[in-house]
Amino acid sequence: MIIALKMVSANYSQIGKRPDESKSETTIIMLPSDANPKGNVFGGVILKHLDLIAGLVAKRHAGHANIVTASIDRMTFLKPVYIGNALILSARLNYVKRSSMEVEVRIEAEDLDIGQRVLTGTAFVTVVALDEHRKPIEVIPLISNTDEDKKRFHEGESRMMTRLKGVGRAVT
């Protein structure tokens, strides 16, 4: 069963939203159906969850828009994830342009038997907000109040410019 919910935030502001208003964390236990015969979780399973949480964070920020993934920056799997591990994904919005948003996703695996977490990867996902005609639509700005938020915003802007140049798009 699929249930569609319209998100209404009491913190919504026409001026913008802070990154902490849209951040998300999710934990999923990895099962045998998520892995190969030797117990290693498929990279595609991890990427699916990465894409889902990035879309959720962007949807929280954009509200009414349809959110689609435009790109996922290089994904390097630093450590394996095994059957029985908890896959923990933490995501936050770093940068907003007009209709594009950069979501940073940190991926960890937790060995539930000993309670040890390891970083398994980090990725930057670019998502775009679309209107009902599937055309890019402007989203509200990202408000960066803290030094850390401002740093992440500028780094995200730099990565976005690099991405645009890499696909031959004019940078404005």
C-alpha atoms as a PDB file:
ATOM      1  CA  MET A   1       0.000   0.000   0.000  1.00  0.00           C
ATOM      2  CA  ILE A   2       1.302   3.460  -0.907  1.00  0.00           C
ATOM      3  CA  ILE A   3       0.142   6.434   1.123  1.00  0.00           C
ATOM      4  CA  ALA A   4       0.726   9.924  -0.239  1.00  0.00           C
ATOM      5  CA  LEU A   5       1.041  12.711   2.280  1.00  0.00           C
ATOM      6  CA  LYS A   6       1.185  16.416   1.605  1.00  0.00           C
ATOM      7  CA  MET A   7       3.838  17.929   3.821  1.00  0.00           C
ATOM      8  CA  VAL A   8       2.884  21.030   5.728  1.00  0.00           C
ATOM      9  CA  SER A   9       5.588  22.554   7.895  1.00  0.00           C
ATOM     10  CA  ALA A  10       4.852  24.964  10.704  1.00  0.00           C
ATOM     11  CA  ASN A  11       8.309  26.400  10.089  1.00  0.00           C
ATOM     12  CA  TYR A  12       7.621  27.189   6.406  1.00  0.00           C
ATOM     13  CA  SER A  13       8.752  30.642   5.427  1.00  0.00           C
ATOM     14  CA  GLN A  14       8.605  32.444   2.083  1.00  0.00           C
ATOM     15  CA  ILE A  15      12.085  33.794   2.865  1.00  0.00           C
ATOM     16  CA  GLY A  16      13.734  30.391   2.975  1.00  0.00           C
ATOM     17  CA  LYS A  17      14.519  27.389   5.123  1.00  0.00           C
ATOM     18  CA  ARG A  18      17.533  26.377   7.179  1.00  0.00           C
ATOM     19  CA  PRO A  19      19.308  23.077   6.404  1.00  0.00           C
ATOM     20  CA  ASP A  20      18.176  21.588   9.725  1.00  0.00           C
ATOM     21  CA  GLU A  21      14.520  22.010   8.679  1.00  0.00           C
ATOM     22  CA  SER A  22      14.892  19.397   5.933  1.00  0.00           C
ATOM     23  CA  LYS A  23      17.632  17.048   7.183  1.00  0.00           C
ATOM     24  CA  SER A  24      16.880  13.377   7.640  1.00  0.00           C
ATOM     25  CA  GLU A  25      18.370  10.162   8.966  1.00  0.00           C
ATOM     26  CA  THR A  26      17.185   6.648   8.304  1.00  0.00           C
ATOM     27  CA  THR A  27      18.307   3.222   9.471  1.00  0.00           C
ATOM     28  CA  ILE A  28      17.614   0.016   7.590  1.00  0.00           C
ATOM     29  CA  ILE A  29      18.596  -3.532   8.551  1.00  0.00           C
ATOM     30  CA  MET A  30      20.318  -5.329   5.679  1.00  0.00           C
ATOM     31  CA  LEU A  31      18.739  -8.675   4.845  1.00  0.00           C
ATOM     32  CA  PRO A  32      19.849 -11.658   2.717  1.00  0.00           C
ATOM     33  CA  SER A  33      17.788 -10.324  -0.215  1.00  0.00           C
ATOM     34  CA  ASP A  34      19.991  -7.175  -0.163  1.00  0.00           C
ATOM     35  CA  ALA A  35      23.248  -9.085  -0.630  1.00  0.00           C
ATOM     36  CA  ASN A  36      25.266 -11.497  -2.739  1.00  0.00           C
ATOM     37  CA  PRO A  37      25.815 -15.144  -1.649  1.00  0.00           C
ATOM     38  CA  LYS A  38      28.892 -14.162   0.398  1.00  0.00           C
ATOM     39  CA  GLY A  39      26.928 -11.632   2.478  1.00  0.00           C
ATOM     40  CA  ASN A  40      28.107  -8.364   0.912  1.00  0.00           C
ATOM     41  CA  VAL A  41      25.269  -5.874   0.389  1.00  0.00           C
ATOM     42  CA  PHE A  42      24.837  -4.874  -3.251  1.00  0.00           C
ATOM     43  CA  GLY A  43      26.014  -1.367  -4.121  1.00  0.00           C
ATOM     44  CA  GLY A  44      22.739  -0.829  -5.962  1.00  0.00           C
ATOM     45  CA  VAL A  45      20.779  -1.416  -2.752  1.00  0.00           C
ATOM     46  CA  ILE A  46      22.828   1.250  -1.004  1.00  0.00           C
ATOM     47  CA  LEU A  47      22.406   3.643  -3.955  1.00  0.00           C
ATOM     48  CA  LYS A  48      18.641   3.114  -3.883  1.00  0.00           C
ATOM     49  CA  HIS A  49      18.470   4.188  -0.242  1.00  0.00           C
ATOM     50  CA  LEU A  50      20.849   7.086  -0.921  1.00  0.00           C
ATOM     51  CA  ASP A  51      18.557   8.326  -3.720  1.00  0.00           C
ATOM     52  CA  LEU A  52      15.454   7.949  -1.554  1.00  0.00           C
ATOM     53  CA  ILE A  53      16.788   9.955   1.375  1.00  0.00           C
ATOM     54  CA  ALA A  54      18.209  12.673  -0.908  1.00  0.00           C
ATOM     55  CA  GLY A  55      14.781  13.017  -2.520  1.00  0.00           C
ATOM     56  CA  LEU A  56      13.107  13.213   0.884  1.00  0.00           C
ATOM     57  CA  VAL A  57      15.405  16.015   2.052  1.00  0.00           C
ATOM     58  CA  ALA A  58      14.855  17.962  -1.173  1.00  0.00           C
ATOM     59  CA  LYS A  59      11.082  17.439  -0.978  1.00  0.00           C
ATOM     60  CA  ARG A  60      11.044  18.782   2.573  1.00  0.00           C
ATOM     61  CA  HIS A  61      12.776  21.911   1.315  1.00  0.00           C
ATOM     62  CA  ALA A  62      10.864  22.391  -1.940  1.00  0.00           C
ATOM     63  CA  GLY A  63       7.431  21.359  -0.699  1.00  0.00           C
ATOM     64  CA  HIS A  64       5.031  21.245  -3.623  1.00  0.00           C
ATOM     65  CA  ALA A  65       7.523  20.399  -6.391  1.00  0.00           C
ATOM     66  CA  ASN A  66       8.199  17.046  -8.015  1.00  0.00           C
ATOM     67  CA  ILE A  67      11.792  16.100  -7.116  1.00  0.00           C
ATOM     68  CA  VAL A  68      14.012  14.225  -9.581  1.00  0.00           C
ATOM     69  CA  THR A  69      17.637  13.142  -9.353  1.00  0.00           C
ATOM     70  CA  ALA A  70      19.932  14.865 -11.851  1.00  0.00           C
ATOM     71  CA  SER A  71      23.261  13.383 -10.738  1.00  0.00           C
ATOM     72  CA  ILE A  72      25.104  11.543  -8.033  1.00  0.00           C
ATOM     73  CA  ASP A  73      28.721  12.545  -7.646  1.00  0.00           C
ATOM     74  CA  ARG A  74      31.286   9.811  -7.568  1.00  0.00           C
ATOM     75  CA  MET A  75      30.337   7.126  -5.082  1.00  0.00           C
ATOM     76  CA  THR A  76      33.227   5.205  -3.576  1.00  0.00           C
ATOM     77  CA  PHE A  77      32.389   2.344  -1.246  1.00  0.00           C
ATOM     78  CA  LEU A  78      35.006   2.743   1.481  1.00  0.00           C
ATOM     79  CA  LYS A  79      34.016  -0.285   3.576  1.00  0.00           C
ATOM     80  CA  PRO A  80      31.699  -3.224   2.928  1.00  0.00           C
ATOM     81  CA  VAL A  81      28.201  -3.507   4.354  1.00  0.00           C
ATOM     82  CA  TYR A  82      27.104  -7.020   5.369  1.00  0.00           C
ATOM     83  CA  ILE A  83      23.867  -8.901   5.965  1.00  0.00           C
ATOM     84  CA  GLY A  84      22.712  -8.063   9.494  1.00  0.00           C
ATOM     85  CA  ASN A  85      24.341  -4.621   9.525  1.00  0.00           C
ATOM     86  CA  ALA A  86      22.262  -1.524  10.063  1.00  0.00           C
ATOM     87  CA  LEU A  87      22.666   0.816   7.085  1.00  0.00           C
ATOM     88  CA  ILE A  88      22.508   4.379   8.420  1.00  0.00           C
ATOM     89  CA  LEU A  89      22.048   7.267   6.003  1.00  0.00           C
ATOM     90  CA  SER A  90      22.206  10.878   7.162  1.00  0.00           C
ATOM     91  CA  ALA A  91      21.310  13.585   4.659  1.00  0.00           C
ATOM     92  CA  ARG A  92      21.262  17.370   4.629  1.00  0.00           C
ATOM     93  CA  LEU A  93      20.850  20.134   2.112  1.00  0.00           C
ATOM     94  CA  ASN A  94      24.075  22.012   1.368  1.00  0.00           C
ATOM     95  CA  TYR A  95      23.243  24.258  -1.564  1.00  0.00           C
ATOM     96  CA  VAL A  96      20.245  25.635  -3.455  1.00  0.00           C
ATOM     97  CA  LYS A  97      20.431  27.432  -6.785  1.00  0.00           C
ATOM     98  CA  ARG A  98      17.205  28.230  -8.647  1.00  0.00           C
ATOM     99  CA  SER A  99      15.622  24.816  -9.124  1.00  0.00           C
ATOM    100  CA  SER A 100      18.672  22.672  -8.300  1.00  0.00           C
ATOM    101  CA  MET A 101      19.658  21.474  -4.854  1.00  0.00           C
ATOM    102  CA  GLU A 102      22.695  19.611  -3.565  1.00  0.00           C
ATOM    103  CA  VAL A 103      22.050  17.018  -0.884  1.00  0.00           C
ATOM    104  CA  GLU A 104      24.973  15.501   1.019  1.00  0.00           C
ATOM    105  CA  VAL A 105      24.445  11.916   2.158  1.00  0.00           C
ATOM    106  CA  ARG A 106      26.698  10.219   4.694  1.00  0.00           C
ATOM    107  CA  ILE A 107      26.471   6.422   4.747  1.00  0.00           C
ATOM    108  CA  GLU A 108      27.501   4.263   7.690  1.00  0.00           C
ATOM    109  CA  ALA A 109      27.237   0.576   8.519  1.00  0.00           C
ATOM    110  CA  GLU A 110      26.717  -0.532  12.096  1.00  0.00           C
ATOM    111  CA  ASP A 111      27.648  -4.014  13.267  1.00  0.00           C
ATOM    112  CA  LEU A 112      24.713  -4.534  15.609  1.00  0.00           C
ATOM    113  CA  ASP A 113      26.426  -7.370  17.490  1.00  0.00           C
ATOM    114  CA  ILE A 114      29.186  -5.097  18.805  1.00  0.00           C
ATOM    115  CA  GLY A 115      27.658  -1.655  18.264  1.00  0.00           C
ATOM    116  CA  GLN A 116      30.488  -0.440  16.029  1.00  0.00           C
ATOM    117  CA  ARG A 117      29.827   2.036  13.208  1.00  0.00           C
ATOM    118  CA  VAL A 118      32.060   2.605  10.187  1.00  0.00           C
ATOM    119  CA  LEU A 119      31.821   5.208   7.458  1.00  0.00           C
ATOM    120  CA  THR A 120      31.097   3.389   4.211  1.00  0.00           C
ATOM    121  CA  GLY A 121      30.716   6.385   1.906  1.00  0.00           C
ATOM    122  CA  THR A 122      29.630   9.938   1.249  1.00  0.00           C
ATOM    123  CA  ALA A 123      27.895  11.243  -1.845  1.00  0.00           C
ATOM    124  CA  PHE A 124      26.577  14.536  -3.170  1.00  0.00           C
ATOM    125  CA  VAL A 125      23.261  14.201  -4.968  1.00  0.00           C
ATOM    126  CA  THR A 126      21.963  16.925  -7.268  1.00  0.00           C
ATOM    127  CA  VAL A 127      18.199  17.037  -7.469  1.00  0.00           C
ATOM    128  CA  VAL A 128      15.922  19.316  -9.459  1.00  0.00           C
ATOM    129  CA  ALA A 129      12.468  20.616  -8.567  1.00  0.00           C
ATOM    130  CA  LEU A 130       9.885  20.308 -11.357  1.00  0.00           C
ATOM    131  CA  ASP A 131       6.396  21.745 -11.766  1.00  0.00           C
ATOM    132  CA  GLU A 132       3.301  19.855 -12.921  1.00  0.00           C
ATOM    133  CA  HIS A 133       4.476  20.235 -16.545  1.00  0.00           C
ATOM    134  CA  ARG A 134       7.853  18.669 -15.708  1.00  0.00           C
ATOM    135  CA  LYS A 135       9.668  21.978 -16.135  1.00  0.00           C
ATOM    136  CA  PRO A 136      12.227  23.270 -13.584  1.00  0.00           C
ATOM    137  CA  ILE A 137      10.593  25.425 -10.936  1.00  0.00           C
ATOM    138  CA  GLU A 138      12.201  27.832  -8.500  1.00  0.00           C
ATOM    139  CA  VAL A 139      12.429  26.732  -4.879  1.00  0.00           C
ATOM    140  CA  ILE A 140      12.839  28.858  -1.796  1.00  0.00           C
ATOM    141  CA  PRO A 141      16.401  29.829  -0.815  1.00  0.00           C
ATOM    142  CA  LEU A 142      18.535  28.017   1.713  1.00  0.00           C
ATOM    143  CA  ILE A 143      19.216  30.094   4.816  1.00  0.00           C
ATOM    144  CA  SER A 144      22.754  29.584   6.124  1.00  0.00           C
ATOM    145  CA  ASN A 145      23.038  31.104   9.600  1.00  0.00           C
ATOM    146  CA  THR A 146      25.969  29.177  11.070  1.00  0.00           C
ATOM    147  CA  ASP A 147      29.591  29.246   9.917  1.00  0.00           C
ATOM    148  CA  GLU A 148      29.343  25.520   9.121  1.00  0.00           C
ATOM    149  CA  ASP A 149      26.217  26.054   6.992  1.00  0.00           C
ATOM    150  CA  LYS A 150      27.885  28.939   5.136  1.00  0.00           C
ATOM    151  CA  LYS A 151      30.990  26.824   4.502  1.00  0.00           C
ATOM    152  CA  ARG A 152      28.908  23.922   3.160  1.00  0.00           C
ATOM    153  CA  PHE A 153      26.894  26.329   0.977  1.00  0.00           C
ATOM    154  CA  HIS A 154      30.033  27.774  -0.651  1.00  0.00           C
ATOM    155  CA  GLU A 155      31.548  24.310  -1.132  1.00  0.00           C
ATOM    156  CA  GLY A 156      28.260  23.124  -2.661  1.00  0.00           C
ATOM    157  CA  GLU A 157      28.183  26.126  -4.974  1.00  0.00           C
ATOM    158  CA  SER A 158      31.723  25.337  -6.118  1.00  0.00           C
ATOM    159  CA  ARG A 159      30.816  21.686  -6.771  1.00  0.00           C
ATOM    160  CA  MET A 160      27.701  22.772  -8.695  1.00  0.00           C
ATOM    161  CA  MET A 161      29.789  25.064 -10.930  1.00  0.00           C
ATOM    162  CA  THR A 162      32.207  22.203 -11.572  1.00  0.00           C
ATOM    163  CA  ARG A 163      29.306  19.879 -12.459  1.00  0.00           C
ATOM    164  CA  LEU A 164      27.821  22.398 -14.871  1.00  0.00           C
ATOM    165  CA  LYS A 165      31.151  22.997 -16.588  1.00  0.00           C
ATOM    166  CA  GLY A 166      31.633  19.219 -16.833  1.00  0.00           C
ATOM    167  CA  VAL A 167      28.443  18.828 -18.850  1.00  0.00           C
ATOM    168  CA  GLY A 168      29.115  21.887 -21.016  1.00  0.00           C
ATOM    169  CA  ARG A 169      26.492  24.135 -19.420  1.00  0.00           C
ATOM    170  CA  ALA A 170      27.042  27.862 -19.060  1.00  0.00           C
ATOM    171  CA  VAL A 171      27.681  28.950 -15.494  1.00  0.00           C
ATOM    172  CA  THR A 172      25.739  32.056 -14.475  1.00  0.00           C
END
